Amino acid sequence: MKHALATVEGRLAIFGFLGEIVARAALVAISVALFVTVHELAHLVVGRIAGIPAVFTSLTSAGVPKGTAGLYPPLALALMNGIAPLFTVIVGFAIYRILVRWPRTFGWARYFLAWWAIFGIPYLGLQMMIAVTPVDYSGNGSDSAAVAGYFHVPISVRAIICVAGFLLYMVSAVWVLAVIRAVDPYVRAAHTATDVPPWRRVLGYILVLAAMAGIVTVAKRALYGEFPGAYMGAAFLGWAIAAAVLTRWHSQAARAVWIRWLLPEAIGMLALVPVGFIGSGNDYASIWLPVIPPVMAAAMFAA
C-alpha cells in the first residue's frame, strides 16, 4: 500500500512539474508575442503621427509597403523606425529597475513582465549589431540601419557599432540574471559551486572567440556591401554554447535558471516558430535565436 501511494505521489509530482513548465512556456510565448506587438504598434502610431500611413505589413513589422518609402519625408521615416527600438529598450530597463528595487511590484504578473525586461535589455545590443544590414526605410528591415541611413552614418562606423553591440549583448546577461533573481526566490536562495574543469574553461573561451570571429566577419563583410546573416546566427549560437560549457553545473542556482527559466523559454519560443510561416512570413520563425542566449548566459553568471 505504501509503495502504491509513493508511486502515485511520484507520478503526481512529475505531472505537477510538467504542468508548471508548460504553464511557464505558455506565459513566455504570450508575453514575448504581446511585447513584439506593442513594439510594432509603436512603429505604427509614431508613423501615423509623423504623417505616414503606416500599417502592419506582417505580424512582426509595421510601416509602409516596400518601394513606397520614397513618397514620405526622410525625417518622418527615421522617427517611425527609431522610436520603437528606443521604446522597447526603455521599457526593458524600466521593468528591470522596478523588479530589482521593488521585487513584489506587479504581484502575480512579475513573471509575465520579467520577460519584457529579458527581451528588452539585450535588444539594445541586438539593434547595434544589425545596424550593418541593408538600409530599408519602409519599416520592413532593420530599425537601427534605417536610422543610421538617415543620419548618413558611414558603414565603417556602423561596423564598429555592430561589434560593440555584440559585446553589449553578451554583457546584458548580467542584467537578465538580476531580473531573474529579483522575481524567482529559488534562484536567489540557491548556492553556487566550484569552478568549471580546466578543459571546459578552455573550450568555452575558444567558443567565445569563435562567436566574436563570427560577428567581426559580419562587420568586415558589411564594408563591402554584404550581410552574411549566417555568421551572425553563428555568433548567437557560439555565445549560447560557450555559456553552457562555462556553466558550473554543480551549482543549484545555474540549474534553477535552466529548469525554471531557460526550459520554459525554449519551449515557448519554439512554439512561436510555426507562427513565423503565416502569410508571407515574419520574424517569429527566427526570434528564438537572439532571445535564448542571454538566459543561457545568465545561468553561467548565476553559478
Protein backbone atom coordinates (compact mmCIF):
# COMPACT_ATOMS: atom_id res chain seq x y z
CA MET A 1 0.00 0.00 0.00
CA LYS A 2 2.80 2.41 0.93
CA HIS A 3 4.63 1.53 -2.28
CA ALA A 4 1.49 2.23 -4.33
CA LEU A 5 0.97 5.58 -2.61
CA ALA A 6 4.60 6.52 -3.21
CA THR A 7 4.21 5.62 -6.89
CA VAL A 8 1.07 7.76 -7.20
CA GLU A 9 2.74 10.66 -5.39
CA GLY A 10 5.75 10.38 -7.67
CA ARG A 11 3.58 10.47 -10.77
CA LEU A 12 1.62 13.42 -9.44
CA ALA A 13 4.90 15.22 -8.75
CA ILE A 14 6.05 14.58 -12.32
CA PHE A 15 2.73 15.76 -13.76
CA GLY A 16 2.88 18.80 -11.48
CA PHE A 17 6.39 19.64 -12.70
CA LEU A 18 5.44 19.20 -16.35
CA GLY A 19 2.31 21.26 -15.84
CA GLU A 20 4.33 24.09 -14.32
CA ILE A 21 6.82 24.01 -17.20
CA VAL A 22 4.03 24.08 -19.80
CA ALA A 23 2.29 26.94 -17.99
CA ARG A 24 5.54 28.92 -17.82
CA ALA A 25 6.23 28.22 -21.51
CA ALA A 26 2.77 29.50 -22.43
CA LEU A 27 3.39 32.66 -20.42
CA VAL A 28 6.72 33.17 -22.19
CA ALA A 29 5.16 32.81 -25.63
CA ILE A 30 2.26 35.13 -24.81
CA SER A 31 4.48 37.71 -23.08
CA VAL A 32 7.01 37.88 -25.93
CA ALA A 33 4.33 37.95 -28.63
CA LEU A 34 2.49 40.75 -26.82
CA PHE A 35 5.69 42.76 -26.37
CA VAL A 36 6.56 42.34 -30.06
CA THR A 37 3.07 43.56 -30.95
CA VAL A 38 3.42 46.59 -28.67
CA HIS A 39 6.79 47.30 -30.29
CA GLU A 40 5.21 47.24 -33.75
CA LEU A 41 2.32 49.39 -32.54
CA ALA A 42 4.91 51.99 -31.52
CA HIS A 43 6.17 51.98 -35.13
CA LEU A 44 2.62 52.34 -36.43
CA VAL A 45 1.49 55.08 -34.04
CA VAL A 46 4.63 57.20 -34.47
CA GLY A 47 4.42 56.75 -38.23
CA ARG A 48 0.82 57.93 -38.27
CA ILE A 49 1.66 60.93 -36.05
CA ALA A 50 4.50 61.79 -38.46
CA GLY A 51 2.10 61.70 -41.41
CA ILE A 52 2.96 58.25 -42.75
CA PRO A 53 0.01 55.85 -43.37
CA ALA A 54 1.80 53.02 -41.55
CA VAL A 55 0.12 49.61 -41.34
CA PHE A 56 1.04 46.14 -40.13
CA THR A 57 2.93 44.63 -43.06
CA SER A 58 3.32 41.34 -41.14
CA LEU A 59 2.85 40.07 -37.60
CA THR A 60 6.28 41.42 -36.67
CA SER A 61 6.66 44.56 -38.80
CA ALA A 62 4.80 47.81 -39.27
CA GLY A 63 5.46 50.50 -41.83
CA VAL A 64 4.70 51.03 -45.49
CA PRO A 65 4.92 48.59 -48.43
CA LYS A 66 8.40 48.14 -49.86
CA GLY A 67 9.13 50.55 -52.69
CA THR A 68 6.87 53.30 -51.37
CA ALA A 69 9.15 54.76 -48.67
CA GLY A 70 10.42 57.40 -51.11
CA LEU A 71 6.99 59.04 -51.06
CA TYR A 72 7.42 60.22 -47.45
CA PRO A 73 9.75 62.69 -45.66
CA PRO A 74 13.06 61.11 -44.55
CA LEU A 75 12.75 62.53 -41.02
CA ALA A 76 9.29 61.01 -40.60
CA LEU A 77 10.64 57.63 -41.76
CA ALA A 78 13.57 57.87 -39.34
CA LEU A 79 11.21 58.63 -36.46
CA MET A 80 8.92 55.75 -37.41
CA ASN A 81 11.86 53.33 -37.49
CA GLY A 82 13.77 54.67 -34.49
CA ILE A 83 11.19 55.25 -31.78
CA ALA A 84 10.05 51.63 -31.38
CA PRO A 85 13.51 50.15 -30.56
CA LEU A 86 14.13 53.01 -28.15
CA PHE A 87 10.74 52.34 -26.54
CA THR A 88 11.48 48.61 -26.24
CA VAL A 89 14.86 49.17 -24.57
CA ILE A 90 13.50 51.83 -22.18
CA VAL A 91 10.61 49.58 -21.14
CA GLY A 92 13.00 46.65 -20.65
CA PHE A 93 15.33 48.63 -18.38
CA ALA A 94 12.41 50.30 -16.57
CA ILE A 95 10.92 46.91 -15.65
CA TYR A 96 14.38 45.69 -14.65
CA ARG A 97 14.79 48.68 -12.35
CA ILE A 98 11.36 48.24 -10.77
CA LEU A 99 11.72 44.49 -10.26
CA VAL A 100 15.19 44.78 -8.76
CA ARG A 101 14.32 47.61 -6.37
CA TRP A 102 10.75 46.56 -5.56
CA PRO A 103 10.58 42.81 -6.35
CA ARG A 104 6.99 42.43 -5.12
CA THR A 105 5.68 45.04 -7.53
CA PHE A 106 3.18 43.66 -10.11
CA GLY A 107 2.30 40.71 -7.85
CA TRP A 108 1.47 37.61 -9.89
CA ALA A 109 2.31 39.43 -13.12
CA ARG A 110 6.02 39.63 -12.21
CA TYR A 111 6.97 36.51 -14.19
CA PHE A 112 4.99 37.70 -17.21
CA LEU A 113 6.55 41.17 -17.23
CA ALA A 114 10.02 39.86 -16.41
CA TRP A 115 10.14 38.53 -19.97
CA TRP A 116 9.66 42.09 -21.27
CA ALA A 117 12.85 43.02 -19.41
CA ILE A 118 14.62 39.85 -20.59
CA PHE A 119 13.62 40.73 -24.17
CA GLY A 120 14.16 44.49 -23.97
CA ILE A 121 17.55 44.71 -22.24
CA PRO A 122 19.59 42.67 -24.79
CA TYR A 123 17.62 44.36 -27.57
CA LEU A 124 19.92 47.39 -27.39
CA GLY A 125 22.95 45.27 -28.28
CA LEU A 126 20.94 43.43 -30.94
CA GLN A 127 19.92 46.68 -32.66
CA MET A 128 23.54 47.83 -32.64
CA MET A 129 24.55 44.53 -34.25
CA ILE A 130 22.06 44.77 -37.10
CA ALA A 131 22.97 48.39 -37.86
CA VAL A 132 25.14 46.97 -40.67
CA THR A 133 22.21 45.41 -42.52
CA PRO A 134 20.98 46.99 -45.78
CA VAL A 135 19.01 50.19 -45.20
CA ASP A 136 15.26 49.81 -45.63
CA TYR A 137 13.19 52.85 -44.67
CA SER A 138 9.84 51.11 -45.16
CA GLY A 139 9.83 49.53 -41.69
CA ASN A 140 10.35 46.03 -43.05
CA GLY A 141 14.08 45.83 -42.27
CA SER A 142 16.49 46.77 -39.51
CA ASP A 143 15.29 49.74 -37.48
CA SER A 144 18.80 50.82 -36.49
CA ALA A 145 20.07 50.58 -40.07
CA ALA A 146 17.25 52.85 -41.23
CA VAL A 147 18.12 55.46 -38.59
CA ALA A 148 21.84 55.17 -39.42
CA GLY A 149 20.99 55.64 -43.09
CA TYR A 150 19.02 58.81 -42.36
CA PHE A 151 21.99 60.32 -40.49
CA HIS A 152 24.40 59.10 -43.20
CA VAL A 153 26.49 57.13 -40.71
CA PRO A 154 29.44 55.63 -42.64
CA ILE A 155 29.43 51.87 -42.96
CA SER A 156 32.85 51.76 -41.24
CA VAL A 157 31.32 53.36 -38.13
CA ARG A 158 28.31 51.05 -38.32
CA ALA A 159 30.70 48.07 -38.45
CA ILE A 160 32.33 49.21 -35.21
CA ILE A 161 28.88 49.70 -33.67
CA CYS A 162 28.00 46.13 -34.73
CA VAL A 163 30.96 44.60 -32.89
CA ALA A 164 30.40 46.81 -29.83
CA GLY A 165 26.74 45.78 -29.87
CA PHE A 166 27.67 42.10 -29.64
CA LEU A 167 29.85 42.80 -26.61
CA LEU A 168 26.96 44.68 -25.00
CA TYR A 169 24.61 41.84 -25.94
CA MET A 170 26.85 39.36 -24.09
CA VAL A 171 27.16 41.58 -21.01
CA SER A 172 23.39 42.13 -20.91
CA ALA A 173 23.06 38.66 -19.36
CA VAL A 174 24.17 40.23 -16.07
CA TRP A 175 21.04 42.43 -16.04
CA VAL A 176 18.93 39.48 -17.18
CA LEU A 177 20.19 37.50 -14.20
CA ALA A 178 19.34 40.39 -11.87
CA VAL A 179 15.75 40.30 -13.16
CA ILE A 180 15.53 36.53 -12.68
CA ARG A 181 16.91 36.72 -9.15
CA ALA A 182 14.51 39.52 -8.24
CA VAL A 183 11.49 37.51 -9.40
CA ASP A 184 12.48 33.93 -8.50
CA PRO A 185 13.32 33.12 -4.85
CA TYR A 186 14.62 29.68 -5.86
CA VAL A 187 17.38 31.23 -7.94
CA ARG A 188 18.02 33.87 -5.30
CA ALA A 189 18.46 31.34 -2.47
CA ALA A 190 20.36 28.65 -4.38
CA HIS A 191 24.05 28.15 -3.65
CA THR A 192 26.86 28.44 -6.15
CA ALA A 193 29.54 25.85 -6.91
CA THR A 194 33.25 25.47 -7.60
CA ASP A 195 34.83 26.48 -10.88
CA VAL A 196 34.46 24.52 -14.13
CA PRO A 197 37.13 21.95 -15.10
CA PRO A 198 40.11 23.42 -16.99
CA TRP A 199 39.27 21.65 -20.26
CA ARG A 200 35.77 23.09 -20.26
CA ARG A 201 37.10 26.53 -19.47
CA VAL A 202 39.48 26.36 -22.45
CA LEU A 203 36.74 25.06 -24.75
CA GLY A 204 34.36 27.77 -23.55
CA TYR A 205 36.88 30.53 -24.22
CA ILE A 206 37.54 29.11 -27.70
CA LEU A 207 33.79 29.20 -28.40
CA VAL A 208 33.60 32.82 -27.17
CA LEU A 209 36.43 33.72 -29.55
CA ALA A 210 34.63 31.87 -32.36
CA ALA A 211 31.46 33.85 -31.65
CA MET A 212 33.47 37.08 -31.74
CA ALA A 213 35.06 35.97 -35.01
CA GLY A 214 31.58 35.48 -36.45
CA ILE A 215 30.44 39.00 -35.60
CA VAL A 216 33.75 40.51 -36.80
CA THR A 217 33.21 38.69 -40.10
CA VAL A 218 29.76 40.24 -40.35
CA ALA A 219 31.25 43.70 -39.75
CA LYS A 220 34.06 43.16 -42.29
CA ARG A 221 31.69 41.88 -44.99
CA ALA A 222 29.43 44.89 -44.39
CA LEU A 223 32.30 47.13 -45.52
CA TYR A 224 31.90 45.55 -48.97
CA GLY A 225 28.11 45.86 -49.07
CA GLU A 226 27.40 42.31 -47.93
CA PHE A 227 25.42 40.99 -44.97
CA PRO A 228 26.24 37.34 -44.18
CA GLY A 229 23.38 36.60 -41.81
CA ALA A 230 24.65 33.06 -41.26
CA TYR A 231 27.71 34.42 -39.47
CA MET A 232 25.55 36.50 -37.17
CA GLY A 233 23.47 33.42 -36.40
CA ALA A 234 26.70 31.53 -35.71
CA ALA A 235 27.75 34.29 -33.29
CA PHE A 236 24.50 33.87 -31.34
CA LEU A 237 24.85 30.09 -31.25
CA GLY A 238 28.55 30.26 -30.38
CA TRP A 239 27.86 32.51 -27.40
CA ALA A 240 24.99 30.29 -26.24
CA ILE A 241 27.08 27.09 -26.44
CA ALA A 242 30.03 28.83 -24.76
CA ALA A 243 27.77 29.86 -21.89
CA ALA A 244 26.53 26.28 -21.50
CA VAL A 245 30.10 24.93 -21.49
CA LEU A 246 31.27 27.52 -18.95
CA THR A 247 28.31 26.98 -16.60
CA ARG A 248 29.14 25.34 -13.27
CA TRP A 249 26.62 22.52 -13.37
CA HIS A 250 27.00 21.60 -9.69
CA SER A 251 25.51 24.99 -8.87
CA GLN A 252 21.89 24.89 -7.73
CA ALA A 253 21.49 28.46 -8.98
CA ALA A 254 22.53 27.53 -12.52
CA ARG A 255 20.23 24.51 -12.55
CA ALA A 256 17.36 26.62 -11.24
CA VAL A 257 17.81 29.11 -14.09
CA TRP A 258 17.87 26.32 -16.66
CA ILE A 259 14.85 24.44 -15.32
CA ARG A 260 12.65 27.35 -14.23
CA TRP A 261 13.55 29.88 -16.93
CA LEU A 262 15.51 28.52 -19.88
CA LEU A 263 13.47 25.35 -20.41
CA PRO A 264 10.10 27.19 -20.47
CA GLU A 265 11.65 29.88 -22.66
CA ALA A 266 12.94 27.35 -25.18
CA ILE A 267 9.55 25.61 -25.36
CA GLY A 268 7.68 28.92 -25.63
CA MET A 269 9.98 30.29 -28.33
CA LEU A 270 9.85 27.10 -30.37
CA ALA A 271 6.06 27.15 -30.09
CA LEU A 272 6.14 30.52 -31.87
CA VAL A 273 8.22 29.19 -34.79
CA PRO A 274 5.21 27.90 -36.82
CA VAL A 275 3.63 31.36 -36.49
CA GLY A 276 6.61 32.66 -38.45
CA PHE A 277 5.33 30.95 -41.58
CA ILE A 278 1.89 32.54 -41.56
CA GLY A 279 1.19 34.62 -44.65
CA SER A 280 4.35 35.97 -46.29
CA GLY A 281 6.42 35.15 -43.21
CA ASN A 282 7.58 37.08 -40.15
CA ASP A 283 10.30 37.13 -37.51
CA TYR A 284 8.70 34.53 -35.22
CA ALA A 285 10.45 31.79 -37.20
CA SER A 286 13.84 33.01 -36.00
CA ILE A 287 13.10 35.18 -32.96
CA TRP A 288 14.33 32.43 -30.63
CA LEU A 289 17.90 32.80 -31.89
CA PRO A 290 18.77 36.14 -30.20
CA VAL A 291 16.34 35.70 -27.27
CA ILE A 292 17.56 32.42 -25.77
CA PRO A 293 21.35 33.04 -25.38
CA PRO A 294 21.04 35.82 -22.73
CA VAL A 295 19.19 33.43 -20.40
CA MET A 296 21.79 30.71 -21.02
CA ALA A 297 24.49 33.23 -20.16
CA ALA A 298 22.50 34.29 -17.07
CA ALA A 299 22.76 30.70 -15.82
CA MET A 300 26.51 30.86 -16.34
CA PHE A 301 26.78 34.08 -14.31
CA ALA A 302 24.39 32.70 -11.66
CA ALA A 303 26.85 29.96 -10.77
